[in-house]
């Protein structure tokens, strides 16, 4: 699980760079419009890429948090098994 979290951290940095580059491209298109209908098509494509990359960034961040919580739970069950069993028995 910790390897998975580490790989996700690396992927998160790549997605962050990708998102930053796409945002720059959207800003360039908005400031220097292309003539004709190609402006709308190009702008909508770049905005869609930007939204998808933002969602991907959030999803990877969530996966990292879940991985870290899973690692913490695994460590706690390793060091305090009796206390966790007693604590969970109160929920029955």
N, C-alpha and C. Protein backbone atom coordinates (compact mmCIF):
# COMPACT_ATOMS: atom_id res chain seq x y z
N UNK A 1 0.83 -1.19 0.00
CA UNK A 1 0.00 0.00 0.00
C UNK A 1 0.88 1.26 0.00
N UNK A 2 1.99 1.20 0.72
CA UNK A 2 2.85 2.38 0.77
C UNK A 2 3.51 2.64 -0.59
N UNK A 3 3.81 1.56 -1.32
CA UNK A 3 4.35 1.74 -2.67
C UNK A 3 3.31 2.40 -3.57
N UNK A 4 2.08 1.97 -3.43
CA UNK A 4 0.98 2.56 -4.19
C UNK A 4 0.85 4.06 -3.89
N UNK A 5 0.93 4.42 -2.62
CA UNK A 5 0.84 5.84 -2.25
C UNK A 5 2.01 6.62 -2.82
N UNK A 6 3.20 6.04 -2.79
CA UNK A 6 4.38 6.71 -3.35
C UNK A 6 4.25 6.92 -4.85
N UNK A 7 3.75 5.92 -5.55
CA UNK A 7 3.54 6.07 -6.99
C UNK A 7 2.48 7.12 -7.29
N UNK A 8 1.46 7.18 -6.45
CA UNK A 8 0.43 8.19 -6.66
C UNK A 8 0.97 9.60 -6.43
N UNK A 9 1.89 9.77 -5.48
CA UNK A 9 2.51 11.08 -5.29
C UNK A 9 3.25 11.50 -6.55
N UNK A 10 3.97 10.58 -7.17
CA UNK A 10 4.68 10.89 -8.42
C UNK A 10 3.71 11.25 -9.53
N UNK A 11 2.62 10.49 -9.62
CA UNK A 11 1.61 10.77 -10.64
C UNK A 11 0.94 12.11 -10.39
N UNK A 12 0.75 12.44 -9.12
CA UNK A 12 0.11 13.71 -8.78
C UNK A 12 0.95 14.89 -9.26
N UNK A 13 2.25 14.80 -9.12
CA UNK A 13 3.10 15.89 -9.59
C UNK A 13 3.05 16.01 -11.11
N UNK A 14 2.98 14.88 -11.82
CA UNK A 14 2.86 14.93 -13.28
C UNK A 14 1.54 15.56 -13.72
N UNK A 15 0.47 15.18 -13.06
CA UNK A 15 -0.84 15.75 -13.41
C UNK A 15 -0.88 17.24 -13.08
N UNK A 16 -0.22 17.64 -12.00
CA UNK A 16 -0.16 19.06 -11.65
C UNK A 16 0.52 19.86 -12.75
N UNK A 17 1.64 19.36 -13.26
CA UNK A 17 2.34 20.04 -14.35
C UNK A 17 1.48 20.08 -15.61
N UNK A 18 0.81 18.98 -15.92
CA UNK A 18 -0.07 18.92 -17.08
C UNK A 18 -1.19 19.95 -16.96
N UNK A 19 -1.79 20.03 -15.79
CA UNK A 19 -2.87 20.97 -15.56
C UNK A 19 -2.39 22.41 -15.70
N UNK A 20 -1.20 22.68 -15.19
CA UNK A 20 -0.65 24.02 -15.30
C UNK A 20 -0.40 24.40 -16.76
N UNK A 21 0.11 23.47 -17.55
CA UNK A 21 0.36 23.74 -18.96
C UNK A 21 -0.93 23.95 -19.74
N UNK A 22 -1.95 23.16 -19.43
CA UNK A 22 -3.23 23.31 -20.12
C UNK A 22 -3.86 24.66 -19.76
N UNK A 23 -3.74 25.07 -18.49
CA UNK A 23 -4.29 26.36 -18.07
C UNK A 23 -3.59 27.50 -18.82
N UNK A 24 -2.28 27.40 -19.02
CA UNK A 24 -1.56 28.41 -19.80
C UNK A 24 -2.08 28.47 -21.22
N UNK A 25 -2.32 27.29 -21.80
CA UNK A 25 -2.84 27.23 -23.18
C UNK A 25 -4.22 27.87 -23.28
N UNK A 26 -5.08 27.64 -22.30
CA UNK A 26 -6.41 28.25 -22.29
C UNK A 26 -6.28 29.77 -22.18
N UNK A 27 -5.40 30.24 -21.33
CA UNK A 27 -5.20 31.68 -21.18
C UNK A 27 -4.67 32.31 -22.46
N UNK A 28 -3.76 31.62 -23.15
CA UNK A 28 -3.22 32.14 -24.41
C UNK A 28 -4.31 32.23 -25.46
N UNK A 29 -5.15 31.21 -25.53
CA UNK A 29 -6.23 31.22 -26.52
C UNK A 29 -7.21 32.34 -26.22
N UNK A 30 -7.49 32.59 -24.94
CA UNK A 30 -8.43 33.65 -24.59
C UNK A 30 -7.86 35.03 -24.90
N UNK A 31 -6.57 35.21 -24.72
CA UNK A 31 -5.98 36.54 -24.97
C UNK A 31 -5.66 36.77 -26.44
N UNK A 32 -5.34 35.73 -27.20
CA UNK A 32 -5.03 35.85 -28.62
C UNK A 32 -6.01 35.00 -29.42
N UNK A 33 -7.20 35.53 -29.67
CA UNK A 33 -8.22 34.70 -30.33
C UNK A 33 -7.82 34.31 -31.75
N UNK A 34 -8.20 33.10 -32.13
CA UNK A 34 -8.00 32.61 -33.48
C UNK A 34 -9.24 32.99 -34.28
N UNK A 35 -9.07 33.35 -35.52
CA UNK A 35 -10.21 33.82 -36.31
C UNK A 35 -11.14 32.68 -36.69
N UNK A 36 -12.40 32.99 -36.77
CA UNK A 36 -13.40 32.03 -37.22
C UNK A 36 -13.88 31.11 -36.10
N UNK A 37 -14.47 30.01 -36.52
CA UNK A 37 -15.03 29.05 -35.58
C UNK A 37 -13.97 28.24 -34.84
N UNK A 38 -12.75 28.26 -35.32
CA UNK A 38 -11.72 27.44 -34.68
C UNK A 38 -11.44 27.92 -33.26
N UNK A 39 -11.71 29.19 -32.96
CA UNK A 39 -11.50 29.69 -31.60
C UNK A 39 -12.40 28.95 -30.63
N UNK A 40 -13.68 28.85 -30.95
CA UNK A 40 -14.62 28.20 -30.05
C UNK A 40 -14.28 26.72 -29.87
N UNK A 41 -13.95 26.04 -30.95
CA UNK A 41 -13.64 24.61 -30.89
C UNK A 41 -12.37 24.39 -30.09
N UNK A 42 -11.33 25.15 -30.38
CA UNK A 42 -10.06 24.99 -29.68
C UNK A 42 -10.21 25.34 -28.21
N UNK A 43 -10.93 26.43 -27.91
CA UNK A 43 -11.12 26.84 -26.53
C UNK A 43 -11.91 25.80 -25.75
N UNK A 44 -12.97 25.27 -26.35
CA UNK A 44 -13.78 24.28 -25.64
C UNK A 44 -12.99 22.99 -25.42
N UNK A 45 -12.15 22.60 -26.38
CA UNK A 45 -11.33 21.41 -26.21
C UNK A 45 -10.33 21.60 -25.07
N UNK A 46 -9.68 22.75 -25.02
CA UNK A 46 -8.69 23.01 -23.98
C UNK A 46 -9.35 23.15 -22.61
N UNK A 47 -10.52 23.77 -22.56
CA UNK A 47 -11.22 23.87 -21.28
C UNK A 47 -11.67 22.50 -20.79
N UNK A 48 -12.09 21.63 -21.71
CA UNK A 48 -12.46 20.27 -21.34
C UNK A 48 -11.25 19.51 -20.80
N UNK A 49 -10.10 19.64 -21.47
CA UNK A 49 -8.87 19.01 -20.97
C UNK A 49 -8.53 19.52 -19.58
N UNK A 50 -8.71 20.83 -19.37
CA UNK A 50 -8.39 21.42 -18.07
C UNK A 50 -9.31 20.87 -16.98
N UNK A 51 -10.61 20.78 -17.27
CA UNK A 51 -11.55 20.25 -16.28
C UNK A 51 -11.25 18.79 -15.95
N UNK A 52 -10.94 18.01 -16.97
CA UNK A 52 -10.64 16.60 -16.75
C UNK A 52 -9.36 16.45 -15.92
N UNK A 53 -8.36 17.25 -16.23
CA UNK A 53 -7.10 17.14 -15.47
C UNK A 53 -7.29 17.60 -14.03
N UNK A 54 -8.16 18.59 -13.79
CA UNK A 54 -8.44 19.00 -12.41
C UNK A 54 -9.15 17.87 -11.65
N UNK A 55 -10.11 17.21 -12.30
CA UNK A 55 -10.81 16.09 -11.67
C UNK A 55 -9.84 14.94 -11.39
N UNK A 56 -8.94 14.69 -12.32
CA UNK A 56 -7.94 13.64 -12.12
C UNK A 56 -7.04 13.97 -10.94
N UNK A 57 -6.67 15.23 -10.81
CA UNK A 57 -5.85 15.68 -9.69
C UNK A 57 -6.56 15.43 -8.37
N UNK A 58 -7.83 15.77 -8.30
CA UNK A 58 -8.60 15.56 -7.08
C UNK A 58 -8.75 14.07 -6.76
N UNK A 59 -9.01 13.27 -7.78
CA UNK A 59 -9.18 11.83 -7.56
C UNK A 59 -7.89 11.17 -7.09
N UNK A 60 -6.77 11.58 -7.65
CA UNK A 60 -5.49 11.03 -7.21
C UNK A 60 -5.20 11.46 -5.77
N UNK A 61 -5.51 12.70 -5.44
CA UNK A 61 -5.34 13.17 -4.06
C UNK A 61 -6.17 12.37 -3.09
N UNK A 62 -7.40 12.07 -3.47
CA UNK A 62 -8.26 11.25 -2.62
C UNK A 62 -7.69 9.85 -2.45
N UNK A 63 -7.18 9.27 -3.53
CA UNK A 63 -6.58 7.93 -3.44
C UNK A 63 -5.36 7.93 -2.52
N UNK A 64 -4.60 9.01 -2.54
CA UNK A 64 -3.44 9.12 -1.65
C UNK A 64 -3.90 9.17 -0.20
N UNK A 65 -4.92 9.94 0.09
CA UNK A 65 -5.43 10.04 1.46
C UNK A 65 -5.95 8.69 1.94
N UNK A 66 -6.69 7.98 1.08
CA UNK A 66 -7.20 6.65 1.46
C UNK A 66 -6.04 5.69 1.70
N UNK A 67 -5.00 5.77 0.87
CA UNK A 67 -3.84 4.90 1.06
C UNK A 67 -3.15 5.17 2.38
N UNK A 68 -2.98 6.44 2.71
CA UNK A 68 -2.32 6.79 3.97
C UNK A 68 -3.15 6.33 5.16
N UNK A 69 -4.47 6.52 5.10
CA UNK A 69 -5.33 6.05 6.19
C UNK A 69 -5.29 4.53 6.32
N UNK A 70 -5.23 3.83 5.20
CA UNK A 70 -5.12 2.37 5.24
C UNK A 70 -3.82 1.93 5.89
N UNK A 71 -2.74 2.61 5.56
CA UNK A 71 -1.44 2.30 6.16
C UNK A 71 -1.48 2.54 7.66
N UNK A 72 -2.08 3.65 8.08
CA UNK A 72 -2.19 3.95 9.51
C UNK A 72 -3.01 2.89 10.22
N UNK A 73 -4.13 2.49 9.63
CA UNK A 73 -4.96 1.44 10.24
C UNK A 73 -4.20 0.12 10.34
N UNK A 74 -3.43 -0.21 9.31
CA UNK A 74 -2.65 -1.45 9.35
C UNK A 74 -1.59 -1.39 10.45
N UNK A 75 -0.97 -0.24 10.62
CA UNK A 75 0.04 -0.10 11.68
C UNK A 75 -0.62 -0.19 13.05
N UNK A 76 -1.77 0.45 13.21
CA UNK A 76 -2.45 0.40 14.51
C UNK A 76 -2.89 -1.02 14.87
N UNK A 77 -3.38 -1.76 13.89
CA UNK A 77 -3.78 -3.14 14.20
C UNK A 77 -2.58 -4.02 14.52
N UNK A 78 -1.45 -3.66 14.02
CA UNK A 78 -0.23 -4.43 14.31
C UNK A 78 0.24 -4.19 15.76
N UNK A 79 0.16 -2.96 16.23
CA UNK A 79 0.68 -2.63 17.55
C UNK A 79 -0.35 -2.70 18.68
N UNK A 80 -1.64 -2.49 18.36
CA UNK A 80 -2.68 -2.46 19.40
C UNK A 80 -3.87 -3.36 19.02
N UNK A 81 -3.67 -4.64 18.80
CA UNK A 81 -4.80 -5.47 18.33
C UNK A 81 -5.90 -5.65 19.38
N UNK A 82 -5.53 -5.84 20.65
CA UNK A 82 -6.55 -6.07 21.67
C UNK A 82 -7.41 -4.84 21.89
N UNK A 83 -6.79 -3.66 21.92
CA UNK A 83 -7.55 -2.43 22.13
C UNK A 83 -8.51 -2.18 20.96
N UNK A 84 -8.09 -2.48 19.78
CA UNK A 84 -8.95 -2.26 18.61
C UNK A 84 -10.12 -3.24 18.62
N UNK A 85 -9.86 -4.50 19.01
CA UNK A 85 -10.94 -5.49 19.08
C UNK A 85 -11.95 -5.07 20.15
N UNK A 86 -11.48 -4.61 21.30
CA UNK A 86 -12.39 -4.14 22.34
C UNK A 86 -13.19 -2.93 21.88
N UNK A 87 -12.53 -2.01 21.21
CA UNK A 87 -13.20 -0.80 20.71
C UNK A 87 -14.27 -1.16 19.68
N UNK A 88 -13.95 -2.10 18.77
CA UNK A 88 -14.92 -2.49 17.76
C UNK A 88 -16.06 -3.31 18.33
N UNK A 89 -15.83 -4.00 19.44
CA UNK A 89 -16.92 -4.79 20.03
C UNK A 89 -18.02 -3.91 20.61
N UNK A 90 -17.74 -2.66 20.88
CA UNK A 90 -18.76 -1.75 21.39
C UNK A 90 -19.80 -1.38 20.32
N UNK A 91 -19.50 -1.63 19.06
CA UNK A 91 -20.41 -1.26 17.98
C UNK A 91 -21.37 -2.38 17.61
N UNK A 92 -21.29 -3.51 18.26
CA UNK A 92 -22.21 -4.62 17.95
C UNK A 92 -23.55 -4.45 18.55
